[in-house]
């Protein structure tokens, strides 16, 4: 009887190992497809620095929330100079939270042959909770843009991947 129990345990371990291996391979395939898709999108989109007088209307960040709590923060920005854009965005985490007015700026420059921007943001104009980061604005179809950025929040001491999109005119 003891041998039968030992054999059943061995069988269950082999099924568990098979399940874990299958799960790892599935995640690897998904990541490979995601990386390939991002590479294709990066090559098909063009990077355009902003110009003085450009207006931006879009979202501040659609990725910096839990998957079940998506929200969109309306953003308005203006190109003050050829390399500097300032703007505001309005957000609310949920109905029990108060609205947050976020003042932000982007300075566009060339880094390593790539047009990038340095980002700074102060929620509720509070410099103790300053967010700083770097990103790239991809413009396609003349006026639609996507701007992924990596941002460090000095108040919460966290680093986040943020994603915004909108229209430039």
Protein backbone atom coordinates (compact mmCIF):
# COMPACT_ATOMS: atom_id res chain seq x y z
CA UNK A 1 0.00 0.00 0.00
CA UNK A 2 2.84 2.40 0.83
CA UNK A 3 4.38 1.83 -2.62
CA UNK A 4 1.08 2.76 -4.26
CA UNK A 5 0.92 6.05 -2.31
CA UNK A 6 4.55 6.85 -3.22
CA UNK A 7 3.82 6.19 -6.92
CA UNK A 8 0.75 8.44 -6.81
CA UNK A 9 2.85 11.23 -5.24
CA UNK A 10 5.47 10.84 -7.98
CA UNK A 11 2.74 11.03 -10.64
CA UNK A 12 1.25 14.15 -9.08
CA UNK A 13 4.69 15.78 -8.94
CA UNK A 14 5.28 15.03 -12.61
CA UNK A 15 1.90 16.57 -13.52
CA UNK A 16 2.69 19.59 -11.36
CA UNK A 17 6.08 19.99 -13.06
CA UNK A 18 4.47 19.61 -16.49
CA UNK A 19 1.87 22.26 -15.58
CA UNK A 20 4.56 24.69 -14.34
CA UNK A 21 6.67 24.12 -17.46
CA UNK A 22 3.65 24.70 -19.70
CA UNK A 23 2.82 27.90 -17.81
CA UNK A 24 6.40 29.22 -18.13
CA UNK A 25 6.51 28.46 -21.86
CA UNK A 26 3.15 30.17 -22.40
CA UNK A 27 4.37 33.30 -20.61
CA UNK A 28 7.57 33.23 -22.69
CA UNK A 29 5.56 33.00 -25.93
CA UNK A 30 3.32 35.88 -24.86
CA UNK A 31 6.32 38.03 -23.95
CA UNK A 32 8.02 37.19 -27.25
CA UNK A 33 4.88 38.23 -29.16
CA UNK A 34 4.58 41.42 -27.09
CA UNK A 35 8.22 42.38 -27.71
CA UNK A 36 7.82 41.69 -31.44
CA UNK A 37 4.67 43.81 -31.57
CA UNK A 38 6.38 46.69 -29.73
CA UNK A 39 9.34 46.52 -32.13
CA UNK A 40 7.03 46.66 -35.16
CA UNK A 41 5.06 49.57 -33.71
CA UNK A 42 8.30 51.43 -32.90
CA UNK A 43 9.52 51.11 -36.49
CA UNK A 44 6.21 52.15 -38.07
CA UNK A 45 5.70 55.21 -35.91
CA UNK A 46 7.74 58.35 -36.33
CA UNK A 47 9.10 60.46 -33.52
CA UNK A 48 8.38 64.17 -33.83
CA UNK A 49 9.57 66.81 -31.44
CA UNK A 50 6.97 69.36 -30.56
CA UNK A 51 7.05 72.89 -31.92
CA UNK A 52 6.18 76.26 -30.45
CA UNK A 53 2.43 76.82 -30.59
CA UNK A 54 1.44 73.14 -30.70
CA UNK A 55 -1.56 72.16 -28.56
CA UNK A 56 -1.98 68.72 -27.02
CA UNK A 57 -5.26 67.17 -25.90
CA UNK A 58 -5.26 63.66 -24.55
CA UNK A 59 -4.77 61.45 -21.53
CA UNK A 60 -2.13 61.90 -18.88
CA UNK A 61 -1.78 58.23 -18.04
CA UNK A 62 -3.83 55.16 -18.79
CA UNK A 63 -1.38 52.59 -17.45
CA UNK A 64 -0.60 53.70 -13.90
CA UNK A 65 -3.62 52.03 -12.30
CA UNK A 66 -4.65 48.47 -11.45
CA UNK A 67 -6.00 46.49 -14.42
CA UNK A 68 -9.48 46.51 -12.88
CA UNK A 69 -9.51 50.25 -12.18
CA UNK A 70 -8.75 51.88 -15.51
CA UNK A 71 -9.26 55.60 -15.61
CA UNK A 72 -8.41 58.36 -18.03
CA UNK A 73 -6.99 61.68 -16.89
CA UNK A 74 -7.80 64.46 -19.40
CA UNK A 75 -4.70 66.46 -20.30
CA UNK A 76 -4.17 69.80 -22.03
CA UNK A 77 -0.70 70.98 -23.04
CA UNK A 78 0.86 73.85 -24.99
CA UNK A 79 4.23 74.18 -26.75
CA UNK A 80 5.80 77.25 -25.10
CA UNK A 81 9.02 76.95 -27.16
CA UNK A 82 10.26 74.52 -29.80
CA UNK A 83 11.55 72.22 -27.06
CA UNK A 84 9.32 72.88 -24.05
CA UNK A 85 5.71 71.82 -23.49
CA UNK A 86 3.76 72.66 -20.32
CA UNK A 87 0.37 71.33 -19.40
CA UNK A 88 -2.21 70.34 -16.84
CA UNK A 89 -4.19 67.20 -16.27
CA UNK A 90 -7.15 66.46 -14.05
CA UNK A 91 -7.55 63.05 -12.41
CA UNK A 92 -9.54 61.26 -9.76
CA UNK A 93 -8.59 57.81 -8.43
CA UNK A 94 -12.21 56.91 -7.56
CA UNK A 95 -15.45 58.62 -6.54
CA UNK A 96 -14.39 58.81 -2.88
CA UNK A 97 -11.16 60.70 -3.72
CA UNK A 98 -10.92 64.39 -4.49
CA UNK A 99 -9.84 65.69 -7.90
CA UNK A 100 -6.11 66.19 -8.45
CA UNK A 101 -4.78 68.98 -10.67
CA UNK A 102 -1.43 67.87 -12.07
CA UNK A 103 0.93 70.49 -13.55
CA UNK A 104 3.59 69.00 -15.79
CA UNK A 105 6.34 69.93 -18.27
CA UNK A 106 8.26 68.10 -20.98
CA UNK A 107 11.58 69.18 -22.37
CA UNK A 108 12.33 67.57 -25.74
CA UNK A 109 15.94 66.76 -26.68
CA UNK A 110 18.04 64.33 -28.67
CA UNK A 111 19.64 61.51 -26.65
CA UNK A 112 21.78 58.96 -28.49
CA UNK A 113 20.30 59.99 -31.84
CA UNK A 114 16.72 59.55 -30.55
CA UNK A 115 14.19 62.32 -29.93
CA UNK A 116 13.22 61.90 -26.26
CA UNK A 117 11.71 64.09 -23.57
CA UNK A 118 12.44 64.68 -19.91
CA UNK A 119 9.25 64.80 -17.85
CA UNK A 120 8.41 66.53 -14.55
CA UNK A 121 5.04 66.60 -12.81
CA UNK A 122 3.72 68.07 -9.56
CA UNK A 123 0.31 66.72 -8.46
CA UNK A 124 -1.75 69.49 -6.78
CA UNK A 125 1.29 71.73 -7.38
CA UNK A 126 2.99 69.87 -4.51
CA UNK A 127 6.75 69.68 -5.12
CA UNK A 128 7.18 67.21 -2.22
CA UNK A 129 5.41 64.62 -4.38
CA UNK A 130 7.32 65.45 -7.59
CA UNK A 131 7.47 62.90 -10.41
CA UNK A 132 10.38 62.94 -12.88
CA UNK A 133 11.04 60.72 -15.85
CA UNK A 134 12.02 60.19 -19.44
CA UNK A 135 9.91 59.21 -22.42
CA UNK A 136 9.42 59.27 -26.15
CA UNK A 137 6.53 60.73 -28.12
CA UNK A 138 5.48 58.74 -31.18
CA UNK A 139 3.33 60.61 -33.68
CA UNK A 140 1.39 58.82 -36.38
CA UNK A 141 -1.25 59.88 -38.86
CA UNK A 142 -0.03 63.49 -38.62
CA UNK A 143 -1.59 64.41 -35.27
CA UNK A 144 -2.25 61.30 -33.14
CA UNK A 145 0.43 60.58 -30.55
CA UNK A 146 1.39 57.93 -27.99
CA UNK A 147 3.88 58.80 -25.26
CA UNK A 148 5.29 55.99 -23.12
CA UNK A 149 7.47 57.17 -20.26
CA UNK A 150 9.27 55.80 -17.22
CA UNK A 151 8.57 57.99 -14.19
CA UNK A 152 10.02 58.04 -10.68
CA UNK A 153 7.73 59.45 -7.95
CA UNK A 154 9.86 61.14 -5.27
CA UNK A 155 7.06 61.14 -2.66
CA UNK A 156 6.09 57.47 -2.94
CA UNK A 157 9.60 56.37 -4.00
CA UNK A 158 8.24 54.22 -6.83
CA UNK A 159 9.08 53.85 -10.51
CA UNK A 160 6.20 53.39 -12.94
CA UNK A 161 5.69 52.87 -16.64
CA UNK A 162 3.14 55.42 -17.82
CA UNK A 163 1.32 55.61 -21.14
CA UNK A 164 -0.54 58.58 -22.55
CA UNK A 165 -2.12 59.25 -25.92
CA UNK A 166 -4.01 62.01 -27.66
CA UNK A 167 -4.09 64.58 -30.44
CA UNK A 168 -1.55 67.24 -31.37
CA UNK A 169 -2.57 70.28 -33.40
